[in-house]
Structures are given as C-alpha cells and as structure tokens.
Amino acid sequence: MRRVVVTGMGLVSPLGCSVELAWQRLLAGRSGLSRLPDAVTEGIAAKVGGRVRDVLEDPEGGWDVDAVVSGKDQRKMDRFIPFALGAAQQALTQAGWPPPDERARERTATVIGSGIGGFGAIAEAVRTTDTRGPQRLSPFTVPSFLVNLAAGQVSIRHGLKGPLGAPVTACAASVQ
C-alpha cells in the first residue's frame, strides 16, 4: 500500500453543508437528527433520522442545490449526485487543487463511495412504471441513480481524467 495525504475535505450532511460548520456544531453538542416528515415515516415505527436540510430550513448551513446544479440538470440526477458535486467542490477548493496541467488531470483519480446510490430515483421509477407504464420513464432514469455517476459527474465537471472509482459497500463505503 502507498501512503496518501488528505489535502481537502468537503461535506454535505445533516449537521451542515461544510466541514467547518459541521465540526463546530459537533463540538457544540448539536445533533443532525430531527423528526422526519410524516409522509416519509407513514407505516413505520422510526420517526427520527438524519436528513440534509435545505437553506430555507437552515439558512446558516443548509443545502442550496441551485448553487451547485442547474434546474435542468437536477431533473436528470438523483439527489446524491449534487451532494457529491457540492462536497467535491469544497474539497478541491480547500486543497487548492485545480489541476495545473494535462498530466495532473490525467493523474487525479475520482473515487466516491456510496451506500446505495440513487434510491429515491429508483423508487420513483418503480412508482412511474406501476402507475403510468415503463414508456413514461425518462431516458435519464438509469443514469440518475447509478452509483458511479456521482464520481463521473465530479470528474467531468472538474476535468479530472485519472482513474474513476465507485465502491458500493453499504455503511462501510466511507472507509474505501
């Protein structure tokens, strides 16, 4: 194994959408857990969970998807892909890493682990198929939920041409 150095970090989380803010909230003893909307918990015992709040719910540290992805592109991707784009932008900025030349772009890997990928898009595709038929699915349905598309979109946006990885190992994905 070779040693690596982490030079930049990015975060989109229930505690806030930056590493610094989430860390401050952790140190202050705050939790990212909250009561989930009734529509999400109908028929199940769990009523509390960690969800990423938007800027209307958390003006200081909420998620502003429009600052990361255009409305048109949002319709083509599940929520986890803009999360990856936002966190990657933070990490690259913190690292001061716009690759300086083609060789650096070709040597910069993009690896993003996920527990499951675009589950929301998968569930919506099933609902659409059940109620309106498969012909009503968007041609972007499959690319919207594929786990490797988070890393793919990040590498495309930043011109990174090195290896691409997308480990899917449930809750262990963060240690890959």
C-alpha atoms as a PDB file:
ATOM      1  CA  MET A   1       0.000   0.000   0.000  1.00  0.00           C
ATOM      2  CA  ARG A   2       1.052   3.567  -0.664  1.00  0.00           C
ATOM      3  CA  ARG A   3       0.533   6.437   1.708  1.00  0.00           C
ATOM      4  CA  VAL A   4      -1.835   9.213   0.744  1.00  0.00           C
ATOM      5  CA  VAL A   5      -2.352  12.670   2.171  1.00  0.00           C
ATOM      6  CA  VAL A   6      -5.795  14.212   2.518  1.00  0.00           C
ATOM      7  CA  THR A   7      -5.399  17.817   1.420  1.00  0.00           C
ATOM      8  CA  GLY A   8      -9.025  18.831   1.100  1.00  0.00           C
ATOM      9  CA  MET A   9     -12.361  17.787   2.531  1.00  0.00           C
ATOM     10  CA  GLY A  10     -15.954  18.540   1.624  1.00  0.00           C
ATOM     11  CA  LEU A  11     -19.166  17.706   3.405  1.00  0.00           C
ATOM     12  CA  VAL A  12     -22.907  17.724   2.800  1.00  0.00           C
ATOM     13  CA  SER A  13     -24.550  16.381   5.939  1.00  0.00           C
ATOM     14  CA  PRO A  14     -27.463  16.714   8.363  1.00  0.00           C
ATOM     15  CA  LEU A  15     -25.150  18.830  10.566  1.00  0.00           C
ATOM     16  CA  GLY A  16     -24.437  21.326   7.804  1.00  0.00           C
ATOM     17  CA  CYS A  17     -23.013  21.638   4.356  1.00  0.00           C
ATOM     18  CA  SER A  18     -19.391  22.426   5.107  1.00  0.00           C
ATOM     19  CA  VAL A  19     -16.694  20.677   7.096  1.00  0.00           C
ATOM     20  CA  GLU A  20     -16.112  23.720   9.303  1.00  0.00           C
ATOM     21  CA  LEU A  21     -19.768  24.260  10.223  1.00  0.00           C
ATOM     22  CA  ALA A  22     -20.478  20.583  10.870  1.00  0.00           C
ATOM     23  CA  TRP A  23     -17.377  20.368  13.078  1.00  0.00           C
ATOM     24  CA  GLN A  24     -18.431  23.444  15.083  1.00  0.00           C
ATOM     25  CA  ARG A  25     -21.910  22.005  15.541  1.00  0.00           C
ATOM     26  CA  LEU A  26     -20.449  18.687  16.697  1.00  0.00           C
ATOM     27  CA  LEU A  27     -18.223  20.459  19.221  1.00  0.00           C
ATOM     28  CA  ALA A  28     -21.278  22.366  20.471  1.00  0.00           C
ATOM     29  CA  GLY A  29     -23.065  19.052  21.069  1.00  0.00           C
ATOM     30  CA  ARG A  30     -25.629  19.502  18.323  1.00  0.00           C
ATOM     31  CA  SER A  31     -27.195  16.583  16.520  1.00  0.00           C
ATOM     32  CA  GLY A  32     -28.101  16.235  12.871  1.00  0.00           C
ATOM     33  CA  LEU A  33     -31.132  14.138  13.785  1.00  0.00           C
ATOM     34  CA  SER A  34     -34.657  15.509  13.617  1.00  0.00           C
ATOM     35  CA  ARG A  35     -38.230  14.353  13.290  1.00  0.00           C
ATOM     36  CA  LEU A  36     -38.843  13.149   9.755  1.00  0.00           C
ATOM     37  CA  PRO A  37     -41.857  14.295   7.722  1.00  0.00           C
ATOM     38  CA  ASP A  38     -44.980  12.169   8.252  1.00  0.00           C
ATOM     39  CA  ALA A  39     -45.034  11.221   4.556  1.00  0.00           C
ATOM     40  CA  VAL A  40     -41.631   9.554   4.971  1.00  0.00           C
ATOM     41  CA  THR A  41     -42.464   7.657   8.157  1.00  0.00           C
ATOM     42  CA  GLU A  42     -46.004   6.525   7.396  1.00  0.00           C
ATOM     43  CA  GLY A  43     -46.378   2.880   8.367  1.00  0.00           C
ATOM     44  CA  ILE A  44     -43.012   2.531  10.089  1.00  0.00           C
ATOM     45  CA  ALA A  45     -42.017   2.947  13.720  1.00  0.00           C
ATOM     46  CA  ALA A  46     -38.973   5.142  13.064  1.00  0.00           C
ATOM     47  CA  LYS A  47     -39.852   8.828  13.201  1.00  0.00           C
ATOM     48  CA  VAL A  48     -36.385  10.370  13.600  1.00  0.00           C
ATOM     49  CA  GLY A  49     -33.479  10.444  11.175  1.00  0.00           C
ATOM     50  CA  GLY A  50     -30.660  12.489   9.746  1.00  0.00           C
ATOM     51  CA  ARG A  51     -31.551  14.373   6.595  1.00  0.00           C
ATOM     52  CA  VAL A  52     -29.808  17.200   4.802  1.00  0.00           C
ATOM     53  CA  ARG A  53     -31.800  20.377   5.351  1.00  0.00           C
ATOM     54  CA  ASP A  54     -32.144  22.993   2.633  1.00  0.00           C
ATOM     55  CA  VAL A  55     -31.244  26.669   3.050  1.00  0.00           C
ATOM     56  CA  LEU A  56     -34.836  27.570   3.952  1.00  0.00           C
ATOM     57  CA  GLU A  57     -34.722  25.229   6.966  1.00  0.00           C
ATOM     58  CA  ASP A  58     -31.121  26.035   7.907  1.00  0.00           C
ATOM     59  CA  PRO A  59     -30.063  29.438   6.500  1.00  0.00           C
ATOM     60  CA  GLU A  60     -26.580  29.180   8.023  1.00  0.00           C
ATOM     61  CA  GLY A  61     -25.621  25.737   6.765  1.00  0.00           C
ATOM     62  CA  GLY A  62     -28.402  24.254   4.682  1.00  0.00           C
ATOM     63  CA  TRP A  63     -28.059  22.746   1.235  1.00  0.00           C
ATOM     64  CA  ASP A  64     -28.554  25.034  -1.768  1.00  0.00           C
ATOM     65  CA  VAL A  65     -28.766  22.687  -4.735  1.00  0.00           C
ATOM     66  CA  ASP A  66     -29.315  25.602  -7.137  1.00  0.00           C
ATOM     67  CA  ALA A  67     -25.847  26.923  -6.277  1.00  0.00           C
ATOM     68  CA  VAL A  68     -24.345  23.622  -7.438  1.00  0.00           C
ATOM     69  CA  VAL A  69     -26.504  22.259 -10.272  1.00  0.00           C
ATOM     70  CA  SER A  70     -28.843  23.940 -12.762  1.00  0.00           C
ATOM     71  CA  GLY A  71     -32.552  23.180 -12.530  1.00  0.00           C
ATOM     72  CA  LYS A  72     -32.406  21.400 -15.881  1.00  0.00           C
ATOM     73  CA  ASP A  73     -29.593  19.118 -14.720  1.00  0.00           C
ATOM     74  CA  GLN A  74     -31.278  18.485 -11.349  1.00  0.00           C
ATOM     75  CA  ARG A  75     -34.096  16.735 -13.199  1.00  0.00           C
ATOM     76  CA  LYS A  76     -31.554  14.311 -14.682  1.00  0.00           C
ATOM     77  CA  MET A  77     -29.973  13.138 -11.435  1.00  0.00           C
ATOM     78  CA  ASP A  78     -30.888  11.786  -8.042  1.00  0.00           C
ATOM     79  CA  ARG A  79     -30.098  13.911  -5.002  1.00  0.00           C
ATOM     80  CA  PHE A  80     -26.874  12.074  -4.156  1.00  0.00           C
ATOM     81  CA  ILE A  81     -25.117  13.338  -7.306  1.00  0.00           C
ATOM     82  CA  PRO A  82     -25.463  17.067  -6.486  1.00  0.00           C
ATOM     83  CA  PHE A  83     -24.359  16.218  -2.922  1.00  0.00           C
ATOM     84  CA  ALA A  84     -21.197  14.670  -4.407  1.00  0.00           C
ATOM     85  CA  LEU A  85     -20.649  17.671  -6.684  1.00  0.00           C
ATOM     86  CA  GLY A  86     -21.006  20.097  -3.772  1.00  0.00           C
ATOM     87  CA  ALA A  87     -18.727  18.165  -1.420  1.00  0.00           C
ATOM     88  CA  ALA A  88     -16.133  17.656  -4.168  1.00  0.00           C
ATOM     89  CA  GLN A  89     -16.082  21.379  -4.944  1.00  0.00           C
ATOM     90  CA  GLN A  90     -15.449  22.131  -1.272  1.00  0.00           C
ATOM     91  CA  ALA A  91     -12.662  19.532  -1.098  1.00  0.00           C
ATOM     92  CA  LEU A  92     -10.937  20.721  -4.264  1.00  0.00           C
ATOM     93  CA  THR A  93     -11.170  24.353  -3.144  1.00  0.00           C
ATOM     94  CA  GLN A  94      -9.798  23.537   0.313  1.00  0.00           C
ATOM     95  CA  ALA A  95      -6.959  21.577  -1.296  1.00  0.00           C
ATOM     96  CA  GLY A  96      -6.196  24.381  -3.734  1.00  0.00           C
ATOM     97  CA  TRP A  97      -6.347  21.802  -6.498  1.00  0.00           C
ATOM     98  CA  PRO A  98      -7.346  22.899  -9.874  1.00  0.00           C
ATOM     99  CA  PRO A  99      -5.006  20.511 -11.716  1.00  0.00           C
ATOM    100  CA  PRO A 100      -2.336  22.772 -13.230  1.00  0.00           C
ATOM    101  CA  ASP A 101      -1.853  20.837 -16.464  1.00  0.00           C
ATOM    102  CA  GLU A 102      -2.998  17.872 -18.541  1.00  0.00           C
ATOM    103  CA  ARG A 103      -0.616  15.461 -16.828  1.00  0.00           C
ATOM    104  CA  ALA A 104      -2.030  16.412 -13.419  1.00  0.00           C
ATOM    105  CA  ARG A 105      -5.612  15.987 -14.709  1.00  0.00           C
ATOM    106  CA  GLU A 106      -4.711  12.511 -16.001  1.00  0.00           C
ATOM    107  CA  ARG A 107      -3.169  11.563 -12.628  1.00  0.00           C
ATOM    108  CA  THR A 108      -6.071  12.812 -10.491  1.00  0.00           C
ATOM    109  CA  ALA A 109      -8.440   9.996  -9.531  1.00  0.00           C
ATOM    110  CA  THR A 110     -12.075  10.453  -8.572  1.00  0.00           C
ATOM    111  CA  VAL A 111     -13.354   7.906  -6.043  1.00  0.00           C
ATOM    112  CA  ILE A 112     -16.739   8.354  -4.374  1.00  0.00           C
ATOM    113  CA  GLY A 113     -18.208   5.635  -2.175  1.00  0.00           C
ATOM    114  CA  SER A 114     -21.922   5.201  -1.621  1.00  0.00           C
ATOM    115  CA  GLY A 115     -24.155   3.040   0.483  1.00  0.00           C
ATOM    116  CA  ILE A 116     -26.735   2.522  -2.253  1.00  0.00           C
ATOM    117  CA  GLY A 117     -26.760   5.338  -4.802  1.00  0.00           C
ATOM    118  CA  GLY A 118     -29.933   6.919  -6.072  1.00  0.00           C
ATOM    119  CA  PHE A 119     -32.559   5.085  -4.082  1.00  0.00           C
ATOM    120  CA  GLY A 120     -35.049   7.951  -4.442  1.00  0.00           C
ATOM    121  CA  ALA A 121     -34.791   7.822  -8.233  1.00  0.00           C
ATOM    122  CA  ILE A 122     -35.174   4.045  -8.192  1.00  0.00           C
ATOM    123  CA  ALA A 123     -38.308   4.279  -6.035  1.00  0.00           C
ATOM    124  CA  GLU A 124     -39.753   6.990  -8.282  1.00  0.00           C
ATOM    125  CA  ALA A 125     -39.063   4.867 -11.388  1.00  0.00           C
ATOM    126  CA  VAL A 126     -40.934   1.948  -9.815  1.00  0.00           C
ATOM    127  CA  ARG A 127     -43.900   4.215  -8.982  1.00  0.00           C
ATOM    128  CA  THR A 128     -43.932   5.616 -12.526  1.00  0.00           C
ATOM    129  CA  THR A 129     -43.746   2.149 -14.067  1.00  0.00           C
ATOM    130  CA  ASP A 130     -46.538   0.854 -11.806  1.00  0.00           C
ATOM    131  CA  THR A 131     -48.907   3.784 -12.363  1.00  0.00           C
ATOM    132  CA  ARG A 132     -48.121   5.060 -15.864  1.00  0.00           C
ATOM    133  CA  GLY A 133     -46.154   2.296 -17.543  1.00  0.00           C
ATOM    134  CA  PRO A 134     -42.487   1.899 -18.474  1.00  0.00           C
ATOM    135  CA  GLN A 135     -42.864   4.059 -21.584  1.00  0.00           C
ATOM    136  CA  ARG A 136     -43.252   7.087 -19.256  1.00  0.00           C
ATOM    137  CA  LEU A 137     -39.758   6.699 -17.805  1.00  0.00           C
ATOM    138  CA  SER A 138     -37.241   9.383 -18.688  1.00  0.00           C
ATOM    139  CA  PRO A 139     -34.205   8.381 -20.747  1.00  0.00           C
ATOM    140  CA  PHE A 140     -32.234   9.794 -17.798  1.00  0.00           C
ATOM    141  CA  THR A 141     -33.777   7.352 -15.295  1.00  0.00           C
ATOM    142  CA  VAL A 142     -30.928   4.839 -15.183  1.00  0.00           C
ATOM    143  CA  PRO A 143     -28.094   7.429 -15.281  1.00  0.00           C
ATOM    144  CA  SER A 144     -29.852   9.330 -12.485  1.00  0.00           C
ATOM    145  CA  PHE A 145     -29.331   6.559  -9.950  1.00  0.00           C
ATOM    146  CA  LEU A 146     -26.157   4.709 -10.960  1.00  0.00           C
ATOM    147  CA  VAL A 147     -23.617   4.995  -8.152  1.00  0.00           C
ATOM    148  CA  ASN A 148     -20.660   5.577 -10.472  1.00  0.00           C
ATOM    149  CA  LEU A 149     -22.344   8.657 -11.961  1.00  0.00           C
ATOM    150  CA  ALA A 150     -21.522  10.702  -8.838  1.00  0.00           C
ATOM    151  CA  ALA A 151     -17.807  10.178  -9.463  1.00  0.00           C
ATOM    152  CA  GLY A 152     -18.375  10.539 -13.203  1.00  0.00           C
ATOM    153  CA  GLN A 153     -20.121  13.902 -12.848  1.00  0.00           C
ATOM    154  CA  VAL A 154     -17.415  15.179 -10.487  1.00  0.00           C
ATOM    155  CA  SER A 155     -14.641  14.147 -12.875  1.00  0.00           C
ATOM    156  CA  ILE A 156     -16.440  15.695 -15.864  1.00  0.00           C
ATOM    157  CA  ARG A 157     -17.121  18.978 -14.071  1.00  0.00           C
ATOM    158  CA  HIS A 158     -13.515  19.371 -12.926  1.00  0.00           C
ATOM    159  CA  GLY A 159     -11.777  17.890 -15.965  1.00  0.00           C
ATOM    160  CA  LEU A 160     -10.262  15.041 -13.957  1.00  0.00           C
ATOM    161  CA  LYS A 161      -9.140  12.253 -16.273  1.00  0.00           C
ATOM    162  CA  GLY A 162      -7.489   9.782 -13.901  1.00  0.00           C
ATOM    163  CA  PRO A 163      -8.971   6.540 -12.570  1.00  0.00           C
ATOM    164  CA  LEU A 164     -12.617   6.565 -11.539  1.00  0.00           C
ATOM    165  CA  GLY A 165     -13.927   4.500  -8.646  1.00  0.00           C
ATOM    166  CA  ALA A 166     -17.328   3.983  -7.072  1.00  0.00           C
ATOM    167  CA  PRO A 167     -17.222   1.470  -4.211  1.00  0.00           C
ATOM    168  CA  VAL A 168     -20.671   0.379  -3.038  1.00  0.00           C
ATOM    169  CA  THR A 169     -20.229  -1.262   0.331  1.00  0.00           C
ATOM    170  CA  ALA A 170     -23.237  -0.083   2.334  1.00  0.00           C
ATOM    171  CA  CYS A 171     -22.231   1.701   5.534  1.00  0.00           C
ATOM    172  CA  ALA A 172     -18.555   0.822   5.011  1.00  0.00           C
ATOM    173  CA  ALA A 173     -18.319   2.926   1.824  1.00  0.00           C
ATOM    174  CA  SER A 174     -16.739   5.821   3.707  1.00  0.00           C
ATOM    175  CA  VAL A 175     -13.654   3.765   4.528  1.00  0.00           C
ATOM    176  CA  GLN A 176     -12.965   2.550   0.994  1.00  0.00           C
END
